[in-house]
């Protein structure tokens, strides 16, 4: 397979997804391959032009606020909730509320807006989500950003609610 054939395969595979989904798919593939995307040429790819301008599309979930987003996603535990909050603020929130990183105050504010019980220690919840691989540490102390694993959980797994599980321990045989 040559380079152009590989490009055709990729384009054929992702062309039927929305631009946001295409970006997420390609970002996950880049992360999975462990490659760094940087260009010394200064070239920045422009979105593919279509024959007619497309209207701004609503978010894939159709949610307009964090309460309806959480009702739709139905996170089953605190770390799923934290990942969903980070996802919402990065991808689903209105433009004026979007942010790449969240902190403990953002997590508590999300519980208030979504009418959910407050966290006793929201920073610990964010650290737990980080330790489980759903969030990465942000640039500033106490901030966290959603990573591709967390994005995948929120976008693809929720709301079916498959809980995060630790590997099952092997049962000991009785003698």
N, C-alpha and C. Protein backbone atom coordinates (compact mmCIF):
# COMPACT_ATOMS: atom_id res chain seq x y z
N UNK A 1 0.86 -1.18 0.00
CA UNK A 1 0.00 0.00 0.00
C UNK A 1 0.90 1.23 0.00
N UNK A 2 0.60 2.18 -0.86
CA UNK A 2 1.39 3.41 -0.89
C UNK A 2 0.70 4.49 -0.05
N UNK A 3 1.36 5.64 0.11
CA UNK A 3 0.85 6.73 0.95
C UNK A 3 -0.54 7.21 0.50
N UNK A 4 -0.70 7.42 -0.78
CA UNK A 4 -1.98 7.94 -1.27
C UNK A 4 -3.12 6.94 -1.05
N UNK A 5 -2.83 5.67 -1.20
CA UNK A 5 -3.85 4.66 -0.97
C UNK A 5 -4.25 4.64 0.51
N UNK A 6 -3.27 4.82 1.39
CA UNK A 6 -3.55 4.89 2.83
C UNK A 6 -4.44 6.09 3.14
N UNK A 7 -4.14 7.23 2.51
CA UNK A 7 -4.96 8.43 2.71
C UNK A 7 -6.38 8.19 2.22
N UNK A 8 -6.52 7.57 1.05
CA UNK A 8 -7.87 7.28 0.53
C UNK A 8 -8.65 6.39 1.49
N UNK A 9 -7.98 5.41 2.06
CA UNK A 9 -8.64 4.50 3.01
C UNK A 9 -9.12 5.26 4.24
N UNK A 10 -8.27 6.13 4.75
CA UNK A 10 -8.65 6.92 5.93
C UNK A 10 -9.82 7.83 5.61
N UNK A 11 -9.73 8.55 4.50
CA UNK A 11 -10.80 9.47 4.10
C UNK A 11 -12.11 8.71 3.89
N UNK A 12 -12.06 7.60 3.20
CA UNK A 12 -13.26 6.80 2.96
C UNK A 12 -13.89 6.33 4.27
N UNK A 13 -13.05 6.05 5.26
CA UNK A 13 -13.53 5.54 6.53
C UNK A 13 -14.21 6.62 7.36
N UNK A 14 -13.66 7.84 7.38
CA UNK A 14 -14.17 8.87 8.28
C UNK A 14 -15.05 9.93 7.62
N UNK A 15 -15.18 9.91 6.29
CA UNK A 15 -15.88 11.00 5.61
C UNK A 15 -17.36 11.12 5.97
N UNK A 16 -17.97 10.08 6.45
CA UNK A 16 -19.40 10.13 6.77
C UNK A 16 -19.68 10.59 8.19
N UNK A 17 -18.62 10.87 8.96
CA UNK A 17 -18.78 11.39 10.31
C UNK A 17 -18.81 12.91 10.27
N UNK A 18 -19.33 13.52 11.32
CA UNK A 18 -19.33 14.99 11.40
C UNK A 18 -17.88 15.47 11.57
N UNK A 19 -17.62 16.74 11.29
CA UNK A 19 -16.25 17.25 11.46
C UNK A 19 -15.71 17.06 12.88
N UNK A 20 -16.57 17.26 13.89
CA UNK A 20 -16.13 17.07 15.28
C UNK A 20 -15.74 15.61 15.52
N UNK A 21 -16.56 14.69 15.00
CA UNK A 21 -16.26 13.27 15.17
C UNK A 21 -14.99 12.89 14.40
N UNK A 22 -14.81 13.46 13.21
CA UNK A 22 -13.60 13.19 12.43
C UNK A 22 -12.37 13.63 13.21
N UNK A 23 -12.42 14.83 13.80
CA UNK A 23 -11.28 15.31 14.58
C UNK A 23 -10.99 14.38 15.75
N UNK A 24 -12.04 13.96 16.46
CA UNK A 24 -11.84 13.08 17.60
C UNK A 24 -11.26 11.74 17.16
N UNK A 25 -11.77 11.16 16.08
CA UNK A 25 -11.27 9.87 15.58
C UNK A 25 -9.80 9.98 15.20
N UNK A 26 -9.48 11.02 14.45
CA UNK A 26 -8.08 11.20 14.02
C UNK A 26 -7.16 11.48 15.20
N UNK A 27 -7.63 12.27 16.18
CA UNK A 27 -6.82 12.54 17.37
C UNK A 27 -6.55 11.25 18.13
N UNK A 28 -7.57 10.40 18.28
CA UNK A 28 -7.39 9.12 18.97
C UNK A 28 -6.40 8.24 18.22
N UNK A 29 -6.52 8.22 16.90
CA UNK A 29 -5.59 7.41 16.10
C UNK A 29 -4.16 7.91 16.27
N UNK A 30 -3.97 9.22 16.26
CA UNK A 30 -2.64 9.80 16.43
C UNK A 30 -2.08 9.42 17.80
N UNK A 31 -2.92 9.53 18.85
CA UNK A 31 -2.48 9.15 20.19
C UNK A 31 -2.16 7.67 20.26
N UNK A 32 -2.99 6.84 19.66
CA UNK A 32 -2.78 5.39 19.68
C UNK A 32 -1.47 5.02 19.00
N UNK A 33 -1.15 5.72 17.90
CA UNK A 33 0.09 5.46 17.18
C UNK A 33 1.30 6.07 17.87
N UNK A 34 1.07 6.95 18.82
CA UNK A 34 2.16 7.58 19.56
C UNK A 34 2.98 8.55 18.72
N UNK A 35 2.32 9.21 17.77
CA UNK A 35 3.06 10.14 16.93
C UNK A 35 2.75 11.57 17.33
N UNK A 36 3.70 12.44 17.06
CA UNK A 36 3.54 13.85 17.35
C UNK A 36 3.20 14.56 16.05
N UNK A 37 2.19 15.41 16.10
CA UNK A 37 1.81 16.13 14.90
C UNK A 37 2.33 17.55 15.02
N UNK A 38 3.28 17.85 14.20
CA UNK A 38 3.85 19.19 14.14
C UNK A 38 4.29 19.43 12.72
N UNK A 39 4.23 20.66 12.31
CA UNK A 39 4.59 20.95 10.94
C UNK A 39 5.62 22.06 10.90
N UNK A 40 6.75 21.78 10.29
CA UNK A 40 7.76 22.82 10.17
C UNK A 40 7.47 23.71 8.97
N UNK A 41 6.58 23.28 8.10
CA UNK A 41 6.29 24.06 6.90
C UNK A 41 5.35 25.23 7.19
N UNK A 42 4.69 25.18 8.35
CA UNK A 42 3.75 26.24 8.69
C UNK A 42 2.39 26.04 8.04
N UNK A 43 2.22 24.97 7.28
CA UNK A 43 0.94 24.69 6.61
C UNK A 43 -0.07 24.27 7.65
N UNK A 44 -1.24 24.87 7.58
CA UNK A 44 -2.35 24.48 8.46
C UNK A 44 -3.48 24.02 7.57
N UNK A 45 -3.94 22.79 7.79
CA UNK A 45 -5.02 22.24 6.97
C UNK A 45 -6.30 23.03 7.19
N UNK A 46 -7.00 23.29 6.11
CA UNK A 46 -8.28 23.99 6.16
C UNK A 46 -9.39 22.95 6.04
N UNK A 47 -10.55 23.23 6.64
CA UNK A 47 -11.65 22.28 6.51
C UNK A 47 -12.01 22.07 5.04
N UNK A 48 -12.44 20.86 4.74
CA UNK A 48 -12.83 20.52 3.38
C UNK A 48 -14.02 21.38 2.97
N UNK A 49 -13.89 22.08 1.87
CA UNK A 49 -14.97 22.97 1.42
C UNK A 49 -16.05 22.15 0.73
N UNK A 50 -17.30 22.44 1.08
CA UNK A 50 -18.41 21.76 0.42
C UNK A 50 -19.05 22.74 -0.56
N UNK A 51 -19.93 22.23 -1.40
CA UNK A 51 -20.55 23.08 -2.42
C UNK A 51 -21.51 24.10 -1.81
N UNK A 52 -22.05 23.82 -0.64
CA UNK A 52 -22.92 24.79 0.00
C UNK A 52 -22.51 24.92 1.46
N UNK A 53 -22.57 26.11 2.01
CA UNK A 53 -22.17 26.26 3.41
C UNK A 53 -23.12 25.48 4.30
N UNK A 54 -22.55 24.85 5.31
CA UNK A 54 -23.40 24.08 6.21
C UNK A 54 -23.74 24.93 7.42
N UNK A 55 -24.96 24.84 7.89
CA UNK A 55 -25.33 25.61 9.07
C UNK A 55 -24.62 25.04 10.29
N UNK A 56 -24.48 25.85 11.29
CA UNK A 56 -23.86 25.37 12.52
C UNK A 56 -24.72 24.23 13.06
N UNK A 57 -24.08 23.13 13.34
CA UNK A 57 -24.84 21.98 13.80
C UNK A 57 -24.91 21.98 15.31
N UNK A 58 -25.99 21.49 15.87
CA UNK A 58 -26.08 21.41 17.32
C UNK A 58 -25.11 20.35 17.81
N UNK A 59 -24.82 20.38 19.08
CA UNK A 59 -23.92 19.38 19.62
C UNK A 59 -24.50 18.00 19.36
N UNK A 60 -23.62 16.98 19.21
CA UNK A 60 -24.11 15.64 18.90
C UNK A 60 -25.15 15.13 19.89
N UNK A 61 -25.01 15.51 21.15
CA UNK A 61 -25.94 15.01 22.14
C UNK A 61 -27.24 15.80 22.15
N UNK A 62 -27.22 16.99 21.55
CA UNK A 62 -28.41 17.82 21.57
C UNK A 62 -28.60 18.53 22.90
N UNK A 63 -27.66 18.40 23.81
CA UNK A 63 -27.76 19.03 25.12
C UNK A 63 -27.41 20.50 25.03
N UNK A 64 -28.08 21.30 25.84
CA UNK A 64 -27.75 22.71 25.87
C UNK A 64 -27.19 23.13 27.21
N UNK A 65 -27.34 22.30 28.20
CA UNK A 65 -26.80 22.65 29.52
C UNK A 65 -26.29 21.38 30.19
N UNK A 66 -25.55 21.59 31.26
CA UNK A 66 -24.90 20.44 31.90
C UNK A 66 -25.92 19.50 32.55
N UNK A 67 -27.02 20.04 33.02
CA UNK A 67 -28.03 19.18 33.65
C UNK A 67 -28.59 18.17 32.64
N UNK A 68 -28.99 18.66 31.47
CA UNK A 68 -29.53 17.74 30.47
C UNK A 68 -28.46 16.80 29.93
N UNK A 69 -27.22 17.29 29.84
CA UNK A 69 -26.12 16.43 29.39
C UNK A 69 -25.92 15.27 30.37
N UNK A 70 -25.92 15.56 31.66
CA UNK A 70 -25.72 14.51 32.66
C UNK A 70 -26.91 13.56 32.71
N UNK A 71 -28.12 14.08 32.50
CA UNK A 71 -29.29 13.20 32.46
C UNK A 71 -29.20 12.26 31.26
N UNK A 72 -28.64 12.74 30.17
CA UNK A 72 -28.48 11.91 28.98
C UNK A 72 -27.38 10.86 29.16
N UNK A 73 -26.25 11.26 29.73
CA UNK A 73 -25.10 10.35 29.83
C UNK A 73 -25.20 9.39 31.01
N UNK A 74 -25.86 9.79 32.08
CA UNK A 74 -26.09 8.93 33.25
C UNK A 74 -24.80 8.29 33.79
N UNK A 75 -23.81 9.10 34.17
CA UNK A 75 -22.61 8.50 34.76
C UNK A 75 -22.98 7.74 36.04
N UNK A 76 -22.37 6.56 36.22
CA UNK A 76 -22.76 5.68 37.32
C UNK A 76 -21.94 5.86 38.58
N UNK A 77 -20.82 6.56 38.48
CA UNK A 77 -19.99 6.76 39.67
C UNK A 77 -19.29 8.11 39.59
N UNK A 78 -18.58 8.45 40.63
CA UNK A 78 -17.98 9.77 40.73
C UNK A 78 -16.93 10.04 39.64
N UNK A 79 -16.11 9.04 39.32
CA UNK A 79 -15.07 9.28 38.31
C UNK A 79 -15.68 9.41 36.91
N UNK A 80 -16.73 8.67 36.63
CA UNK A 80 -17.43 8.84 35.35
C UNK A 80 -18.06 10.23 35.31
N UNK A 81 -18.58 10.67 36.44
CA UNK A 81 -19.18 12.00 36.50
C UNK A 81 -18.12 13.07 36.22
N UNK A 82 -16.95 12.93 36.83
CA UNK A 82 -15.87 13.90 36.62
C UNK A 82 -15.45 13.93 35.15
N UNK A 83 -15.32 12.75 34.53
CA UNK A 83 -14.96 12.70 33.11
C UNK A 83 -16.05 13.34 32.26
N UNK A 84 -17.30 13.10 32.60
CA UNK A 84 -18.41 13.69 31.85
C UNK A 84 -18.43 15.21 31.98
N UNK A 85 -18.09 15.72 33.16
CA UNK A 85 -18.02 17.17 33.36
C UNK A 85 -16.91 17.76 32.49
N UNK A 86 -15.74 17.13 32.50
CA UNK A 86 -14.62 17.62 31.68
C UNK A 86 -14.98 17.57 30.20
N UNK A 87 -15.65 16.50 29.78
CA UNK A 87 -16.08 16.36 28.39
C UNK A 87 -17.08 17.46 28.03
N UNK A 88 -18.05 17.67 28.89
CA UNK A 88 -19.07 18.68 28.63
C UNK A 88 -18.42 20.04 28.41
N UNK A 89 -17.54 20.44 29.33
CA UNK A 89 -16.94 21.77 29.22
C UNK A 89 -16.02 21.90 28.00
N UNK A 90 -15.43 20.81 27.58
CA UNK A 90 -14.54 20.89 26.42
C UNK A 90 -15.30 20.85 25.09
N UNK A 91 -16.34 20.02 25.00
CA UNK A 91 -16.98 19.78 23.71
C UNK A 91 -18.44 20.23 23.60
N UNK A 92 -19.19 20.23 24.65
CA UNK A 92 -20.64 20.41 24.57
C UNK A 92 -21.14 21.75 25.09
N UNK A 93 -20.40 22.39 25.94
CA UNK A 93 -20.86 23.63 26.58
C UNK A 93 -21.04 24.73 25.54
N UNK A 94 -21.91 25.69 25.83
CA UNK A 94 -21.99 26.86 24.95
C UNK A 94 -20.61 27.52 24.86
N UNK A 95 -20.33 28.17 23.75
CA UNK A 95 -19.01 28.76 23.51
C UNK A 95 -18.52 29.59 24.69
N UNK A 96 -19.41 30.35 25.30
CA UNK A 96 -19.00 31.24 26.40
C UNK A 96 -18.58 30.47 27.65
N UNK A 97 -18.94 29.19 27.75
CA UNK A 97 -18.60 28.39 28.93
C UNK A 97 -17.51 27.36 28.66
N UNK A 98 -17.10 27.19 27.41
CA UNK A 98 -16.13 26.14 27.08
C UNK A 98 -14.80 26.39 27.78
N UNK A 99 -14.18 25.29 28.18
CA UNK A 99 -12.84 25.35 28.78
C UNK A 99 -12.18 24.00 28.57
N UNK A 100 -10.87 24.03 28.41
CA UNK A 100 -10.12 22.79 28.20
C UNK A 100 -9.87 22.05 29.50
N UNK A 101 -9.67 22.78 30.59
CA UNK A 101 -9.33 22.17 31.87
C UNK A 101 -10.40 22.52 32.90
N UNK A 102 -10.62 21.57 33.81
CA UNK A 102 -11.55 21.83 34.91
C UNK A 102 -10.80 21.68 36.23
N UNK A 103 -11.38 22.25 37.28
CA UNK A 103 -10.80 22.11 38.62
C UNK A 103 -11.90 21.68 39.58
N UNK A 104 -11.56 21.60 40.85
CA UNK A 104 -12.53 21.12 41.85
C UNK A 104 -13.76 22.03 41.93
N UNK A 105 -13.57 23.33 41.74
CA UNK A 105 -14.71 24.25 41.78
C UNK A 105 -15.65 24.02 40.61
N UNK A 106 -15.09 23.74 39.43
CA UNK A 106 -15.92 23.43 38.26
C UNK A 106 -16.73 22.16 38.51
N UNK A 107 -16.09 21.17 39.13
CA UNK A 107 -16.79 19.91 39.40
C UNK A 107 -17.94 20.14 40.39
N UNK A 108 -17.69 20.91 41.45
CA UNK A 108 -18.75 21.20 42.42
C UNK A 108 -19.87 22.02 41.78
N UNK A 109 -19.51 22.99 40.96
CA UNK A 109 -20.51 23.82 40.30
C UNK A 109 -21.38 22.96 39.37
N UNK A 110 -20.77 21.99 38.72
CA UNK A 110 -21.53 21.08 37.84
C UNK A 110 -22.53 20.27 38.65
N UNK A 111 -22.16 19.84 39.85
CA UNK A 111 -23.11 19.09 40.67
C UNK A 111 -24.28 19.97 41.08
N UNK A 112 -23.99 21.24 41.37
CA UNK A 112 -25.05 22.17 41.75
C UNK A 112 -26.02 22.38 40.58
N UNK A 113 -25.46 22.62 39.40
CA UNK A 113 -26.30 22.89 38.22
C UNK A 113 -27.08 21.65 37.80
N UNK A 114 -26.50 20.47 37.99
CA UNK A 114 -27.15 19.24 37.57
C UNK A 114 -28.01 18.64 38.68
N UNK A 115 -28.12 19.35 39.79
CA UNK A 115 -28.90 18.90 40.94
C UNK A 115 -28.45 17.49 41.37
N UNK A 116 -27.20 17.41 41.74
CA UNK A 116 -26.59 16.17 42.20
C UNK A 116 -25.95 16.43 43.55
N UNK A 117 -25.83 15.41 44.35
CA UNK A 117 -25.19 15.55 45.65
C UNK A 117 -23.75 16.05 45.47
N UNK A 118 -23.33 17.01 46.31
CA UNK A 118 -21.99 17.59 46.21
C UNK A 118 -20.94 16.57 46.65
N UNK A 119 -19.74 16.76 46.14
CA UNK A 119 -18.63 15.89 46.52
C UNK A 119 -18.06 16.35 47.85
N UNK A 120 -17.70 15.40 48.70
CA UNK A 120 -17.04 15.73 49.96
C UNK A 120 -15.64 16.27 49.70
N UNK A 121 -14.96 15.68 48.70
CA UNK A 121 -13.61 16.11 48.35
C UNK A 121 -13.47 16.05 46.83
N UNK A 122 -13.90 17.11 46.15
CA UNK A 122 -13.89 17.07 44.68
C UNK A 122 -12.50 16.91 44.07
N UNK A 123 -11.47 17.45 44.74
CA UNK A 123 -10.11 17.29 44.21
C UNK A 123 -9.71 15.81 44.23
N UNK A 124 -10.11 15.09 45.27
CA UNK A 124 -9.80 13.66 45.32
C UNK A 124 -10.51 12.91 44.20
N UNK A 125 -11.75 13.30 43.90
CA UNK A 125 -12.48 12.67 42.80
C UNK A 125 -11.75 12.89 41.48
N UNK A 126 -11.26 14.11 41.25
CA UNK A 126 -10.50 14.39 40.03
C UNK A 126 -9.20 13.59 39.99
N UNK A 127 -8.54 13.47 41.14
CA UNK A 127 -7.32 12.65 41.20
C UNK A 127 -7.63 11.19 40.93
N UNK A 128 -8.75 10.69 41.45
CA UNK A 128 -9.14 9.30 41.19
C UNK A 128 -9.40 9.09 39.70
N UNK A 129 -10.07 10.04 39.06
CA UNK A 129 -10.32 9.94 37.62
C UNK A 129 -8.99 9.96 36.85
N UNK A 130 -8.05 10.73 37.34
CA UNK A 130 -6.71 10.76 36.72
C UNK A 130 -6.02 9.41 36.91
N UNK A 131 -6.07 8.88 38.12
CA UNK A 131 -5.42 7.59 38.40
C UNK A 131 -6.02 6.44 37.60
N UNK A 132 -7.30 6.55 37.25
CA UNK A 132 -7.95 5.53 36.43
C UNK A 132 -7.75 5.77 34.94
N UNK A 133 -7.05 6.85 34.59
CA UNK A 133 -6.70 7.10 33.20
C UNK A 133 -7.74 7.86 32.39
N UNK A 134 -8.72 8.48 33.06
CA UNK A 134 -9.77 9.21 32.34
C UNK A 134 -9.43 10.68 32.12
N UNK A 135 -8.61 11.23 33.00
CA UNK A 135 -8.22 12.64 32.93
C UNK A 135 -6.69 12.74 33.01
N UNK A 136 -6.16 13.76 32.39
CA UNK A 136 -4.74 14.09 32.52
C UNK A 136 -4.64 15.35 33.37
N UNK A 137 -3.48 15.57 33.95
CA UNK A 137 -3.27 16.79 34.72
C UNK A 137 -3.17 17.96 33.77
N UNK A 138 -3.74 19.08 34.18
CA UNK A 138 -3.70 20.29 33.37
C UNK A 138 -2.41 21.05 33.58
N UNK A 139 -2.26 22.15 32.86
CA UNK A 139 -1.05 22.96 32.94
C UNK A 139 -0.92 23.65 34.30
N UNK A 140 -2.04 24.02 34.89
CA UNK A 140 -2.01 24.68 36.19
C UNK A 140 -2.31 23.67 37.29
N UNK A 141 -1.72 23.91 38.45
CA UNK A 141 -1.92 23.01 39.59
C UNK A 141 -3.42 22.89 39.90
N UNK A 142 -3.87 21.67 40.13
CA UNK A 142 -5.26 21.42 40.50
C UNK A 142 -6.23 21.40 39.32
N UNK A 143 -5.69 21.44 38.09
CA UNK A 143 -6.57 21.38 36.92
C UNK A 143 -6.38 20.04 36.22
N UNK A 144 -7.43 19.63 35.52
CA UNK A 144 -7.43 18.35 34.82
C UNK A 144 -8.07 18.53 33.46
N UNK A 145 -7.55 17.78 32.47
CA UNK A 145 -8.11 17.81 31.12
C UNK A 145 -8.52 16.39 30.73
N UNK A 146 -9.58 16.31 29.97
CA UNK A 146 -10.02 14.99 29.54
C UNK A 146 -9.06 14.48 28.47
N UNK A 147 -8.77 13.19 28.51
CA UNK A 147 -7.90 12.58 27.51
C UNK A 147 -8.73 11.68 26.60
N UNK A 148 -8.08 11.00 25.68
CA UNK A 148 -8.82 10.19 24.71
C UNK A 148 -9.57 9.03 25.37
N UNK A 149 -9.04 8.49 26.47
CA UNK A 149 -9.75 7.41 27.16
C UNK A 149 -11.04 7.94 27.78
N UNK A 150 -10.94 9.10 28.44
CA UNK A 150 -12.13 9.71 29.03
C UNK A 150 -13.14 10.13 27.97
N UNK A 151 -12.62 10.68 26.86
CA UNK A 151 -13.51 11.06 25.75
C UNK A 151 -14.25 9.85 25.23
N UNK A 152 -13.54 8.76 25.06
CA UNK A 152 -14.15 7.53 24.56
C UNK A 152 -15.23 7.03 25.52
N UNK A 153 -14.93 7.06 26.81
CA UNK A 153 -15.91 6.63 27.80
C UNK A 153 -17.20 7.45 27.67
N UNK A 154 -17.06 8.77 27.66
CA UNK A 154 -18.24 9.63 27.64
C UNK A 154 -18.97 9.58 26.30
N UNK A 155 -18.21 9.65 25.21
CA UNK A 155 -18.83 9.72 23.89
C UNK A 155 -19.40 8.38 23.43
N UNK A 156 -18.71 7.30 23.74
CA UNK A 156 -19.09 6.00 23.18
C UNK A 156 -19.73 5.05 24.19
N UNK A 157 -19.32 5.06 25.43
CA UNK A 157 -19.79 4.08 26.39
C UNK A 157 -21.03 4.55 27.14
N UNK A 158 -20.99 5.77 27.64
CA UNK A 158 -22.16 6.28 28.37
C UNK A 158 -23.27 6.58 27.37
N UNK A 159 -24.51 6.33 27.61
CA UNK A 159 -25.13 6.08 28.90
C UNK A 159 -25.38 4.62 29.22
N UNK A 160 -24.78 3.70 28.50
CA UNK A 160 -25.12 2.31 28.84
C UNK A 160 -24.60 1.95 30.21
N UNK A 161 -23.72 2.81 30.74
CA UNK A 161 -23.34 2.70 32.13
C UNK A 161 -22.44 1.55 32.47
N UNK A 162 -21.68 1.04 31.51
CA UNK A 162 -20.75 -0.01 31.85
C UNK A 162 -19.77 0.54 32.88
N UNK A 163 -19.84 0.06 34.11
CA UNK A 163 -18.99 0.64 35.15
C UNK A 163 -17.52 0.28 34.93
N UNK A 164 -16.67 1.16 35.44
CA UNK A 164 -15.24 0.85 35.41
C UNK A 164 -15.01 -0.25 36.43
N UNK A 165 -14.35 -1.28 36.01
CA UNK A 165 -14.12 -2.41 36.91
C UNK A 165 -12.65 -2.69 37.01
N UNK A 166 -12.24 -3.12 38.20
CA UNK A 166 -10.88 -3.60 38.37
C UNK A 166 -10.87 -5.04 37.88
N UNK A 167 -9.71 -5.52 37.41
CA UNK A 167 -9.66 -6.91 36.98
C UNK A 167 -10.09 -7.84 38.11
N UNK A 168 -10.87 -8.85 37.77
CA UNK A 168 -11.35 -9.79 38.77
C UNK A 168 -10.18 -10.60 39.34
N UNK A 169 -10.23 -10.80 40.64
CA UNK A 169 -9.21 -11.62 41.28
C UNK A 169 -9.54 -13.08 41.02
N UNK A 170 -8.48 -13.86 40.86
CA UNK A 170 -8.69 -15.28 40.62
C UNK A 170 -9.13 -15.95 41.93
N UNK A 171 -10.11 -16.81 41.80
CA UNK A 171 -10.61 -17.53 42.97
C UNK A 171 -9.60 -18.59 43.36
N UNK A 172 -9.41 -18.71 44.68
CA UNK A 172 -8.49 -19.75 45.15
C UNK A 172 -9.23 -21.08 45.21
N UNK A 173 -8.51 -22.12 44.87
CA UNK A 173 -9.09 -23.45 44.97
C UNK A 173 -9.00 -23.93 46.40
N UNK A 174 -10.08 -24.59 46.86
CA UNK A 174 -10.05 -25.18 48.21
C UNK A 174 -9.32 -26.50 48.16
N UNK A 175 -8.56 -26.74 49.20
CA UNK A 175 -7.81 -28.00 49.26
C UNK A 175 -8.57 -29.06 49.97
